[in-house]
Amino acid sequence: MLIEKTKSEIVIRVSSKINTFGLQRLMDYLKYQELTSSSKAKQSDIDELARAVNKNWWNKNKHRFISE
């Protein structure tokens, strides 16, 4: 494995033998880190948003799981 850092990016070279599923999960995490690095959101704000999204999703989809 080789890691190079330039002014604008970090280049990571790995063997083609590496598991691509695991590599994709790592890349997804790195993308998340990149996207949230300058966020000013507090964890409580994120938790509140997640609750609202989950509640909204459940209200739209509960008929698929519960027969009334």
C-alpha atoms as a PDB file:
ATOM      1  CA  MET A   1       0.000   0.000   0.000  1.00  0.00           C
ATOM      2  CA  LEU A   2       1.232   3.476  -0.874  1.00  0.00           C
ATOM      3  CA  ILE A   3      -0.108   6.809   0.379  1.00  0.00           C
ATOM      4  CA  GLU A   4       0.771  10.063  -1.367  1.00  0.00           C
ATOM      5  CA  LYS A   5      -0.317  13.536  -0.274  1.00  0.00           C
ATOM      6  CA  THR A   6      -0.463  16.488  -2.645  1.00  0.00           C
ATOM      7  CA  LYS A   7      -1.717  20.028  -2.001  1.00  0.00           C
ATOM      8  CA  SER A   8      -5.293  19.113  -2.877  1.00  0.00           C
ATOM      9  CA  GLU A   9      -5.690  15.376  -2.309  1.00  0.00           C
ATOM     10  CA  ILE A  10      -4.462  12.149  -0.772  1.00  0.00           C
ATOM     11  CA  VAL A  11      -3.850   9.251  -3.154  1.00  0.00           C
ATOM     12  CA  ILE A  12      -3.995   5.709  -1.739  1.00  0.00           C
ATOM     13  CA  ARG A  13      -2.807   2.828  -3.887  1.00  0.00           C
ATOM     14  CA  VAL A  14      -3.738  -0.694  -2.838  1.00  0.00           C
ATOM     15  CA  SER A  15      -3.277  -4.136  -4.315  1.00  0.00           C
ATOM     16  CA  SER A  16      -5.953  -5.343  -6.736  1.00  0.00           C
ATOM     17  CA  LYS A  17      -6.329  -8.369  -4.448  1.00  0.00           C
ATOM     18  CA  ILE A  18      -8.159  -6.306  -1.829  1.00  0.00           C
ATOM     19  CA  ASN A  19     -11.837  -7.039  -1.162  1.00  0.00           C
ATOM     20  CA  THR A  20     -13.813  -4.422  -3.104  1.00  0.00           C
ATOM     21  CA  PHE A  21     -16.834  -4.586  -0.764  1.00  0.00           C
ATOM     22  CA  GLY A  22     -14.681  -3.629   2.218  1.00  0.00           C
ATOM     23  CA  LEU A  23     -12.918  -0.983   0.166  1.00  0.00           C
ATOM     24  CA  GLN A  24     -16.263   0.539  -0.867  1.00  0.00           C
ATOM     25  CA  ARG A  25     -17.357   0.711   2.774  1.00  0.00           C
ATOM     26  CA  LEU A  26     -14.115   2.493   3.614  1.00  0.00           C
ATOM     27  CA  MET A  27     -14.617   4.923   0.728  1.00  0.00           C
ATOM     28  CA  ASP A  28     -18.194   5.623   1.864  1.00  0.00           C
ATOM     29  CA  TYR A  29     -16.889   6.454   5.347  1.00  0.00           C
ATOM     30  CA  LEU A  30     -14.200   8.733   3.932  1.00  0.00           C
ATOM     31  CA  LYS A  31     -16.793  10.492   1.765  1.00  0.00           C
ATOM     32  CA  TYR A  32     -18.941  11.010   4.867  1.00  0.00           C
ATOM     33  CA  GLN A  33     -15.939  12.474   6.699  1.00  0.00           C
ATOM     34  CA  GLU A  34     -15.222  14.794   3.781  1.00  0.00           C
ATOM     35  CA  LEU A  35     -18.838  15.984   3.507  1.00  0.00           C
ATOM     36  CA  THR A  36     -19.272  16.604   7.231  1.00  0.00           C
ATOM     37  CA  SER A  37     -15.843  18.067   7.991  1.00  0.00           C
ATOM     38  CA  SER A  38     -17.085  21.659   7.971  1.00  0.00           C
ATOM     39  CA  SER A  39     -20.533  21.001   9.448  1.00  0.00           C
ATOM     40  CA  LYS A  40     -21.658  23.211  12.322  1.00  0.00           C
ATOM     41  CA  ALA A  41     -24.542  20.889  13.233  1.00  0.00           C
ATOM     42  CA  LYS A  42     -24.781  19.640  16.798  1.00  0.00           C
ATOM     43  CA  GLN A  43     -25.512  15.985  17.522  1.00  0.00           C
ATOM     44  CA  SER A  44     -28.837  16.995  19.111  1.00  0.00           C
ATOM     45  CA  ASP A  45     -29.872  18.690  15.838  1.00  0.00           C
ATOM     46  CA  ILE A  46     -28.962  15.569  13.867  1.00  0.00           C
ATOM     47  CA  ASP A  47     -30.853  13.342  16.297  1.00  0.00           C
ATOM     48  CA  GLU A  48     -33.959  15.541  16.029  1.00  0.00           C
ATOM     49  CA  LEU A  49     -33.822  15.472  12.225  1.00  0.00           C
ATOM     50  CA  ALA A  50     -33.396  11.688  12.231  1.00  0.00           C
ATOM     51  CA  ARG A  51     -36.432  11.266  14.493  1.00  0.00           C
ATOM     52  CA  ALA A  52     -38.542  13.472  12.221  1.00  0.00           C
ATOM     53  CA  VAL A  53     -37.458  11.597   9.098  1.00  0.00           C
ATOM     54  CA  ASN A  54     -38.121   8.211  10.716  1.00  0.00           C
ATOM     55  CA  LYS A  55     -41.543   9.308  11.962  1.00  0.00           C
ATOM     56  CA  ASN A  56     -42.480  10.625   8.531  1.00  0.00           C
ATOM     57  CA  TRP A  57     -41.260   7.426   6.844  1.00  0.00           C
ATOM     58  CA  TRP A  58     -43.214   5.260   9.299  1.00  0.00           C
ATOM     59  CA  ASN A  59     -46.414   7.245   8.801  1.00  0.00           C
ATOM     60  CA  LYS A  60     -46.140   6.754   5.023  1.00  0.00           C
ATOM     61  CA  ASN A  61     -45.185   3.066   5.159  1.00  0.00           C
ATOM     62  CA  LYS A  62     -46.768   1.480   8.234  1.00  0.00           C
ATOM     63  CA  HIS A  63     -49.643   0.149   6.118  1.00  0.00           C
ATOM     64  CA  ARG A  64     -47.104  -2.170   4.484  1.00  0.00           C
ATOM     65  CA  PHE A  65     -46.316  -3.794   7.852  1.00  0.00           C
ATOM     66  CA  ILE A  66     -49.519  -3.505   9.883  1.00  0.00           C
ATOM     67  CA  SER A  67     -52.936  -4.482   8.613  1.00  0.00           C
ATOM     68  CA  GLU A  68     -55.587  -2.345  10.234  1.00  0.00           C
END
